[in-house]
Amino acid sequence: MTSRRRLLPPPPVAFDVDATLEDMRDQLRRTNAMLVVVAEKLEDLWRDDAAPEVTRWRDHIPYLLEAAQRAVSEAMQAGDQLDRHRRNLRGDR
């Protein structure tokens, strides 16, 4: 007679909300800093004597940078809301 072992599922992995929020905020801060530097450098590189295809791309760059910065800002706000929600659930202030 063979004994059968009942396989138990692995224990659940604890989700570390604090570490996840901090990691998200750190990544967003870095991304935002890079976008600001890129925007400044692009302004320095613009010249009036650029070829037409370069001018077309230059016209799109500010829009793309602004959209990226807005996305970063909104993600940071979402992280702040998650943090406030978590603190409210724990009763922290």
C-alpha atoms as a PDB file:
ATOM      1  CA  MET A   1       0.000   0.000   0.000  1.00  0.00           C
ATOM      2  CA  THR A   2       1.425   3.338  -1.021  1.00  0.00           C
ATOM      3  CA  SER A   3       0.699   6.501   0.817  1.00  0.00           C
ATOM      4  CA  ARG A   4      -0.414   9.444  -1.173  1.00  0.00           C
ATOM      5  CA  ARG A   5       0.715  12.832  -0.143  1.00  0.00           C
ATOM      6  CA  ARG A   6      -1.699  15.606  -0.501  1.00  0.00           C
ATOM      7  CA  LEU A   7      -0.012  18.458  -2.307  1.00  0.00           C
ATOM      8  CA  LEU A   8      -0.691  21.737  -0.646  1.00  0.00           C
ATOM      9  CA  PRO A   9      -0.592  24.946  -2.610  1.00  0.00           C
ATOM     10  CA  PRO A  10       2.380  27.146  -1.859  1.00  0.00           C
ATOM     11  CA  PRO A  11       1.754  29.804   0.752  1.00  0.00           C
ATOM     12  CA  PRO A  12       0.556  33.087  -0.707  1.00  0.00           C
ATOM     13  CA  VAL A  13       3.244  35.634  -1.384  1.00  0.00           C
ATOM     14  CA  ALA A  14       2.674  38.735   0.675  1.00  0.00           C
ATOM     15  CA  PHE A  15       2.203  41.814  -1.460  1.00  0.00           C
ATOM     16  CA  ASP A  16       4.300  44.642  -0.068  1.00  0.00           C
ATOM     17  CA  VAL A  17       2.215  47.728  -0.796  1.00  0.00           C
ATOM     18  CA  ASP A  18       4.719  50.115   0.760  1.00  0.00           C
ATOM     19  CA  ALA A  19       7.647  48.819  -1.276  1.00  0.00           C
ATOM     20  CA  THR A  20       5.576  48.750  -4.461  1.00  0.00           C
ATOM     21  CA  LEU A  21       4.400  52.340  -4.013  1.00  0.00           C
ATOM     22  CA  GLU A  22       7.919  53.532  -3.242  1.00  0.00           C
ATOM     23  CA  ASP A  23       9.321  51.704  -6.269  1.00  0.00           C
ATOM     24  CA  MET A  24       6.623  53.197  -8.506  1.00  0.00           C
ATOM     25  CA  ARG A  25       7.291  56.692  -7.198  1.00  0.00           C
ATOM     26  CA  ASP A  26      11.045  56.280  -7.649  1.00  0.00           C
ATOM     27  CA  GLN A  27      10.640  55.154 -11.255  1.00  0.00           C
ATOM     28  CA  LEU A  28       8.230  57.998 -11.996  1.00  0.00           C
ATOM     29  CA  ARG A  29      10.588  60.587 -10.476  1.00  0.00           C
ATOM     30  CA  ARG A  30      13.428  59.314 -12.660  1.00  0.00           C
ATOM     31  CA  THR A  31      11.249  59.284 -15.760  1.00  0.00           C
ATOM     32  CA  ASN A  32       9.996  62.797 -15.106  1.00  0.00           C
ATOM     33  CA  ALA A  33      13.547  64.078 -14.586  1.00  0.00           C
ATOM     34  CA  MET A  34      14.639  62.548 -17.897  1.00  0.00           C
ATOM     35  CA  LEU A  35      11.688  64.109 -19.723  1.00  0.00           C
ATOM     36  CA  VAL A  36      12.519  67.543 -18.329  1.00  0.00           C
ATOM     37  CA  VAL A  37      16.159  67.243 -19.445  1.00  0.00           C
ATOM     38  CA  VAL A  38      15.147  66.017 -22.909  1.00  0.00           C
ATOM     39  CA  ALA A  39      12.723  68.924 -23.316  1.00  0.00           C
ATOM     40  CA  GLU A  40      15.433  71.425 -22.338  1.00  0.00           C
ATOM     41  CA  LYS A  41      18.020  69.880 -24.661  1.00  0.00           C
ATOM     42  CA  LEU A  42      15.617  69.780 -27.597  1.00  0.00           C
ATOM     43  CA  GLU A  43      14.873  73.466 -27.169  1.00  0.00           C
ATOM     44  CA  ASP A  44      18.624  74.143 -27.290  1.00  0.00           C
ATOM     45  CA  LEU A  45      18.974  72.153 -30.532  1.00  0.00           C
ATOM     46  CA  TRP A  46      16.165  73.814 -32.485  1.00  0.00           C
ATOM     47  CA  ARG A  47      17.309  76.025 -35.306  1.00  0.00           C
ATOM     48  CA  ASP A  48      15.404  78.007 -37.904  1.00  0.00           C
ATOM     49  CA  ASP A  49      17.391  76.477 -40.762  1.00  0.00           C
ATOM     50  CA  ALA A  50      16.202  72.872 -40.242  1.00  0.00           C
ATOM     51  CA  ALA A  51      15.001  70.704 -43.125  1.00  0.00           C
ATOM     52  CA  PRO A  52      11.200  70.359 -43.575  1.00  0.00           C
ATOM     53  CA  GLU A  53      11.101  66.753 -42.288  1.00  0.00           C
ATOM     54  CA  VAL A  54      12.993  67.828 -39.159  1.00  0.00           C
ATOM     55  CA  THR A  55      10.553  70.706 -38.683  1.00  0.00           C
ATOM     56  CA  ARG A  56       7.605  68.292 -38.831  1.00  0.00           C
ATOM     57  CA  TRP A  57       9.158  66.101 -36.147  1.00  0.00           C
ATOM     58  CA  ARG A  58      10.024  69.142 -34.058  1.00  0.00           C
ATOM     59  CA  ASP A  59       6.368  70.121 -34.117  1.00  0.00           C
ATOM     60  CA  HIS A  60       5.394  66.720 -32.660  1.00  0.00           C
ATOM     61  CA  ILE A  61       8.058  66.535 -29.975  1.00  0.00           C
ATOM     62  CA  PRO A  62       6.541  69.083 -27.555  1.00  0.00           C
ATOM     63  CA  TYR A  63       3.187  67.313 -27.730  1.00  0.00           C
ATOM     64  CA  LEU A  64       4.787  63.929 -27.067  1.00  0.00           C
ATOM     65  CA  LEU A  65       6.854  65.252 -24.178  1.00  0.00           C
ATOM     66  CA  GLU A  66       3.865  67.001 -22.630  1.00  0.00           C
ATOM     67  CA  ALA A  67       1.780  63.825 -22.935  1.00  0.00           C
ATOM     68  CA  ALA A  68       4.536  61.777 -21.291  1.00  0.00           C
ATOM     69  CA  GLN A  69       4.926  64.296 -18.470  1.00  0.00           C
ATOM     70  CA  ARG A  70       1.164  64.325 -17.945  1.00  0.00           C
ATOM     71  CA  ALA A  71       1.113  60.516 -17.792  1.00  0.00           C
ATOM     72  CA  VAL A  72       3.897  60.540 -15.209  1.00  0.00           C
ATOM     73  CA  SER A  73       2.088  63.179 -13.161  1.00  0.00           C
ATOM     74  CA  GLU A  74      -1.182  61.242 -13.256  1.00  0.00           C
ATOM     75  CA  ALA A  75       0.595  58.035 -12.248  1.00  0.00           C
ATOM     76  CA  MET A  76       2.199  59.854  -9.324  1.00  0.00           C
ATOM     77  CA  GLN A  77      -1.205  61.148  -8.255  1.00  0.00           C
ATOM     78  CA  ALA A  78      -2.618  57.624  -8.478  1.00  0.00           C
ATOM     79  CA  GLY A  79       0.219  56.411  -6.254  1.00  0.00           C
ATOM     80  CA  ASP A  80      -0.558  59.150  -3.748  1.00  0.00           C
ATOM     81  CA  GLN A  81      -4.237  58.148  -3.764  1.00  0.00           C
ATOM     82  CA  LEU A  82      -3.306  54.506  -3.182  1.00  0.00           C
ATOM     83  CA  ASP A  83      -1.067  55.557  -0.323  1.00  0.00           C
ATOM     84  CA  ARG A  84      -3.825  57.670   1.277  1.00  0.00           C
ATOM     85  CA  HIS A  85      -6.312  54.819   0.841  1.00  0.00           C
ATOM     86  CA  ARG A  86      -3.917  52.345   2.440  1.00  0.00           C
ATOM     87  CA  ARG A  87      -3.285  54.702   5.362  1.00  0.00           C
ATOM     88  CA  ASN A  88      -7.024  55.202   5.852  1.00  0.00           C
ATOM     89  CA  LEU A  89      -7.540  51.433   5.932  1.00  0.00           C
ATOM     90  CA  ARG A  90      -4.804  51.072   8.560  1.00  0.00           C
ATOM     91  CA  GLY A  91      -5.999  54.096  10.504  1.00  0.00           C
ATOM     92  CA  ASP A  92      -2.720  55.994   9.991  1.00  0.00           C
ATOM     93  CA  ARG A  93      -2.601  59.718   9.596  1.00  0.00           C
END
